[in-house]
Amino acid sequence: MSIAMKMKNDYLLIQEIDQKETITPSGLIIPPPKHNRKARIIKVGNTEHVKEGDVILKNMGKGTNVTLNDTKFEVIHINQIFAIIEENA
């Protein structure tokens, strides 16, 4: 996905990652979390702590919702991230 924009200061453009229900081996269905906190970073401002493509956990309700090219995004400050998820850990 290519978006022609430059984020300022320590702000990030992120997109939430849809989480699906999981089914345990015994057949128990676990619904997705009610409040999605998992997101992928699309554009990075002036920070070296994260990079485009990182998957993060973020605080809820602290960002600004933005729609670009009919796609929903959120703009948050770097301080609203409380974890970077390492997928190969």
N, C-alpha and C. Protein backbone atom coordinates (compact mmCIF):
# COMPACT_ATOMS: atom_id res chain seq x y z
N MET A 1 0.86 -1.16 0.00
CA MET A 1 0.00 0.00 0.00
C MET A 1 0.90 1.23 0.00
N SER A 2 0.69 2.12 -0.95
CA SER A 2 1.50 3.31 -1.08
C SER A 2 0.65 4.54 -0.82
N ILE A 3 1.05 5.31 0.17
CA ILE A 3 0.34 6.53 0.51
C ILE A 3 1.37 7.66 0.47
N ALA A 4 1.07 8.69 -0.33
CA ALA A 4 1.99 9.81 -0.48
C ALA A 4 1.72 10.83 0.61
N MET A 5 2.35 10.64 1.75
CA MET A 5 2.24 11.60 2.84
C MET A 5 3.45 11.46 3.74
N LYS A 6 3.74 12.52 4.47
CA LYS A 6 4.87 12.50 5.39
C LYS A 6 4.34 12.87 6.77
N MET A 7 4.56 12.01 7.74
CA MET A 7 4.12 12.26 9.10
C MET A 7 5.10 13.23 9.76
N LYS A 8 4.58 14.10 10.62
CA LYS A 8 5.41 15.09 11.30
C LYS A 8 5.72 14.63 12.72
N ASN A 9 6.84 15.12 13.23
CA ASN A 9 7.26 14.90 14.61
C ASN A 9 7.24 13.42 14.97
N ASP A 10 6.65 13.07 16.10
CA ASP A 10 6.62 11.69 16.58
C ASP A 10 5.27 11.02 16.34
N TYR A 11 4.58 11.39 15.26
CA TYR A 11 3.27 10.81 14.97
C TYR A 11 3.40 9.66 13.98
N LEU A 12 2.46 8.73 14.10
CA LEU A 12 2.46 7.52 13.28
C LEU A 12 1.11 7.36 12.62
N LEU A 13 1.10 6.86 11.39
CA LEU A 13 -0.13 6.45 10.73
C LEU A 13 -0.20 4.94 10.86
N ILE A 14 -1.27 4.44 11.47
CA ILE A 14 -1.39 3.00 11.72
C ILE A 14 -2.71 2.48 11.16
N GLN A 15 -2.77 1.17 10.99
CA GLN A 15 -4.01 0.51 10.57
C GLN A 15 -4.22 -0.70 11.46
N GLU A 16 -5.42 -0.79 12.03
CA GLU A 16 -5.70 -1.91 12.92
C GLU A 16 -5.66 -3.23 12.16
N ILE A 17 -5.24 -4.26 12.85
CA ILE A 17 -5.19 -5.60 12.28
C ILE A 17 -6.43 -6.35 12.75
N ASP A 18 -7.22 -6.83 11.80
CA ASP A 18 -8.42 -7.59 12.15
C ASP A 18 -8.02 -8.89 12.82
N GLN A 19 -8.61 -9.15 13.97
CA GLN A 19 -8.34 -10.39 14.68
C GLN A 19 -9.56 -11.29 14.57
N LYS A 20 -9.32 -12.56 14.32
CA LYS A 20 -10.41 -13.50 14.12
C LYS A 20 -10.57 -14.40 15.34
N GLU A 21 -11.73 -15.03 15.40
CA GLU A 21 -11.94 -15.98 16.50
C GLU A 21 -11.04 -17.18 16.30
N THR A 22 -10.68 -17.80 17.42
CA THR A 22 -9.85 -19.01 17.36
C THR A 22 -10.64 -20.18 17.91
N ILE A 23 -10.31 -21.36 17.42
CA ILE A 23 -10.97 -22.58 17.88
C ILE A 23 -9.89 -23.48 18.47
N THR A 24 -10.08 -23.88 19.72
CA THR A 24 -9.12 -24.74 20.40
C THR A 24 -9.24 -26.16 19.85
N PRO A 25 -8.25 -27.01 20.09
CA PRO A 25 -8.33 -28.40 19.62
C PRO A 25 -9.56 -29.14 20.15
N SER A 26 -10.07 -28.73 21.32
CA SER A 26 -11.25 -29.40 21.87
C SER A 26 -12.56 -28.82 21.31
N GLY A 27 -12.45 -27.77 20.45
CA GLY A 27 -13.64 -27.21 19.82
C GLY A 27 -14.19 -25.95 20.48
N LEU A 28 -13.53 -25.46 21.51
CA LEU A 28 -13.97 -24.24 22.18
C LEU A 28 -13.68 -23.04 21.28
N ILE A 29 -14.68 -22.20 21.06
CA ILE A 29 -14.52 -21.01 20.22
C ILE A 29 -14.21 -19.81 21.11
N ILE A 30 -13.07 -19.18 20.84
CA ILE A 30 -12.67 -17.99 21.59
C ILE A 30 -12.87 -16.79 20.67
N PRO A 31 -13.77 -15.87 21.03
CA PRO A 31 -14.03 -14.72 20.16
C PRO A 31 -12.84 -13.76 20.12
N PRO A 32 -12.77 -12.92 19.09
CA PRO A 32 -11.69 -11.94 19.05
C PRO A 32 -11.86 -10.91 20.17
N PRO A 33 -10.79 -10.25 20.55
CA PRO A 33 -10.90 -9.24 21.62
C PRO A 33 -11.92 -8.17 21.26
N LYS A 34 -12.66 -7.70 22.26
CA LYS A 34 -13.68 -6.68 22.02
C LYS A 34 -13.06 -5.38 21.54
N HIS A 35 -11.96 -5.01 22.12
CA HIS A 35 -11.27 -3.78 21.73
C HIS A 35 -9.94 -4.15 21.10
N ASN A 36 -9.85 -3.91 19.81
CA ASN A 36 -8.64 -4.26 19.07
C ASN A 36 -7.52 -3.29 19.42
N ARG A 37 -6.42 -3.80 19.89
CA ARG A 37 -5.28 -2.96 20.23
C ARG A 37 -4.08 -3.27 19.35
N LYS A 38 -4.22 -4.19 18.42
CA LYS A 38 -3.12 -4.60 17.57
C LYS A 38 -3.20 -3.82 16.26
N ALA A 39 -2.06 -3.24 15.84
CA ALA A 39 -2.06 -2.43 14.62
C ALA A 39 -0.71 -2.55 13.91
N ARG A 40 -0.73 -2.22 12.61
CA ARG A 40 0.50 -2.20 11.81
C ARG A 40 0.82 -0.75 11.48
N ILE A 41 2.09 -0.40 11.58
CA ILE A 41 2.52 0.96 11.28
C ILE A 41 2.65 1.12 9.76
N ILE A 42 1.97 2.13 9.23
CA ILE A 42 1.98 2.40 7.80
C ILE A 42 3.00 3.49 7.45
N LYS A 43 2.98 4.58 8.19
CA LYS A 43 3.92 5.69 7.99
C LYS A 43 4.47 6.14 9.34
N VAL A 44 5.74 6.52 9.35
CA VAL A 44 6.44 6.91 10.58
C VAL A 44 6.87 8.37 10.46
N GLY A 45 6.71 9.10 11.55
CA GLY A 45 7.20 10.48 11.61
C GLY A 45 8.69 10.50 11.93
N ASN A 46 9.10 11.43 12.76
CA ASN A 46 10.50 11.65 13.09
C ASN A 46 10.88 10.83 14.33
N THR A 47 10.98 9.52 14.19
CA THR A 47 11.35 8.66 15.31
C THR A 47 12.19 7.49 14.82
N GLU A 48 13.06 7.01 15.67
CA GLU A 48 13.90 5.87 15.33
C GLU A 48 13.49 4.62 16.09
N HIS A 49 12.47 4.72 16.92
CA HIS A 49 12.08 3.61 17.78
C HIS A 49 11.27 2.54 17.06
N VAL A 50 10.53 2.94 16.04
CA VAL A 50 9.71 2.00 15.26
C VAL A 50 9.93 2.26 13.79
N LYS A 51 9.51 1.29 12.95
CA LYS A 51 9.65 1.47 11.51
C LYS A 51 8.36 1.03 10.83
N GLU A 52 8.21 1.41 9.58
CA GLU A 52 7.03 1.03 8.81
C GLU A 52 6.96 -0.49 8.73
N GLY A 53 5.77 -1.04 8.95
CA GLY A 53 5.57 -2.48 8.92
C GLY A 53 5.58 -3.14 10.28
N ASP A 54 6.08 -2.46 11.31
CA ASP A 54 6.07 -3.03 12.66
C ASP A 54 4.64 -3.26 13.13
N VAL A 55 4.44 -4.33 13.89
CA VAL A 55 3.15 -4.61 14.52
C VAL A 55 3.26 -4.19 15.97
N ILE A 56 2.27 -3.41 16.42
CA ILE A 56 2.33 -2.82 17.76
C ILE A 56 1.07 -3.12 18.55
N LEU A 57 1.17 -2.93 19.87
CA LEU A 57 0.01 -2.86 20.75
C LEU A 57 -0.10 -1.41 21.19
N LYS A 58 -1.32 -0.86 21.13
CA LYS A 58 -1.51 0.56 21.38
C LYS A 58 -2.57 0.78 22.43
N ASN A 59 -2.56 1.98 23.00
CA ASN A 59 -3.63 2.39 23.91
C ASN A 59 -4.91 2.60 23.12
N MET A 60 -6.04 2.39 23.76
CA MET A 60 -7.33 2.57 23.09
C MET A 60 -7.81 4.01 23.22
N GLY A 61 -8.43 4.50 22.15
CA GLY A 61 -9.11 5.79 22.18
C GLY A 61 -8.23 7.01 22.25
N LYS A 62 -6.97 6.91 21.93
CA LYS A 62 -6.07 8.05 22.03
C LYS A 62 -5.73 8.66 20.68
N GLY A 63 -6.13 8.05 19.59
CA GLY A 63 -5.74 8.52 18.27
C GLY A 63 -6.84 9.29 17.56
N THR A 64 -6.52 9.71 16.33
CA THR A 64 -7.47 10.41 15.47
C THR A 64 -7.74 9.53 14.26
N ASN A 65 -9.02 9.22 14.03
CA ASN A 65 -9.39 8.38 12.90
C ASN A 65 -9.32 9.19 11.61
N VAL A 66 -8.77 8.57 10.55
CA VAL A 66 -8.58 9.22 9.26
C VAL A 66 -8.98 8.22 8.19
N THR A 67 -9.65 8.69 7.13
CA THR A 67 -9.98 7.84 5.99
C THR A 67 -9.26 8.38 4.77
N LEU A 68 -8.43 7.54 4.16
CA LEU A 68 -7.69 7.90 2.95
C LEU A 68 -7.96 6.85 1.89
N ASN A 69 -8.40 7.27 0.72
CA ASN A 69 -8.71 6.35 -0.38
C ASN A 69 -9.67 5.25 0.07
N ASP A 70 -10.69 5.61 0.84
CA ASP A 70 -11.71 4.69 1.35
C ASP A 70 -11.14 3.62 2.30
N THR A 71 -9.99 3.86 2.88
CA THR A 71 -9.38 2.95 3.84
C THR A 71 -9.26 3.67 5.17
N LYS A 72 -9.62 2.98 6.27
CA LYS A 72 -9.58 3.58 7.60
C LYS A 72 -8.20 3.42 8.23
N PHE A 73 -7.69 4.52 8.76
CA PHE A 73 -6.42 4.56 9.46
C PHE A 73 -6.61 5.31 10.77
N GLU A 74 -5.54 5.36 11.56
CA GLU A 74 -5.55 6.13 12.79
C GLU A 74 -4.20 6.80 12.93
N VAL A 75 -4.18 8.04 13.39
CA VAL A 75 -2.95 8.76 13.67
C VAL A 75 -2.77 8.79 15.18
N ILE A 76 -1.60 8.31 15.65
CA ILE A 76 -1.31 8.30 17.08
C ILE A 76 0.08 8.87 17.32
N HIS A 77 0.33 9.25 18.55
CA HIS A 77 1.66 9.70 18.97
C HIS A 77 2.46 8.47 19.40
N ILE A 78 3.76 8.54 19.24
CA ILE A 78 4.64 7.41 19.61
C ILE A 78 4.44 6.99 21.06
N ASN A 79 4.05 7.91 21.93
CA ASN A 79 3.85 7.59 23.35
C ASN A 79 2.64 6.69 23.60
N GLN A 80 1.77 6.51 22.60
CA GLN A 80 0.59 5.67 22.78
C GLN A 80 0.87 4.19 22.50
N ILE A 81 2.10 3.87 22.13
CA ILE A 81 2.50 2.47 21.90
C ILE A 81 3.06 1.92 23.20
N PHE A 82 2.59 0.73 23.60
CA PHE A 82 3.19 0.14 24.79
C PHE A 82 3.92 -1.16 24.50
N ALA A 83 3.92 -1.63 23.24
CA ALA A 83 4.71 -2.81 22.89
C ALA A 83 4.86 -2.92 21.38
N ILE A 84 6.00 -3.46 20.96
CA ILE A 84 6.22 -3.84 19.57
C ILE A 84 6.23 -5.36 19.55
N ILE A 85 5.39 -5.95 18.71
CA ILE A 85 5.27 -7.40 18.67
C ILE A 85 6.33 -7.96 17.72
N GLU A 86 7.14 -8.85 18.25
CA GLU A 86 8.15 -9.53 17.43
C GLU A 86 7.57 -10.85 16.98
N GLU A 87 7.30 -10.97 15.69
CA GLU A 87 6.58 -12.13 15.18
C GLU A 87 7.41 -13.40 15.14
N ASN A 88 8.74 -13.29 15.17
CA ASN A 88 9.59 -14.49 15.12
C ASN A 88 10.14 -14.86 16.48
N ALA A 89 9.55 -14.33 17.54
CA ALA A 89 10.06 -14.61 18.88
C ALA A 89 9.56 -15.93 19.40
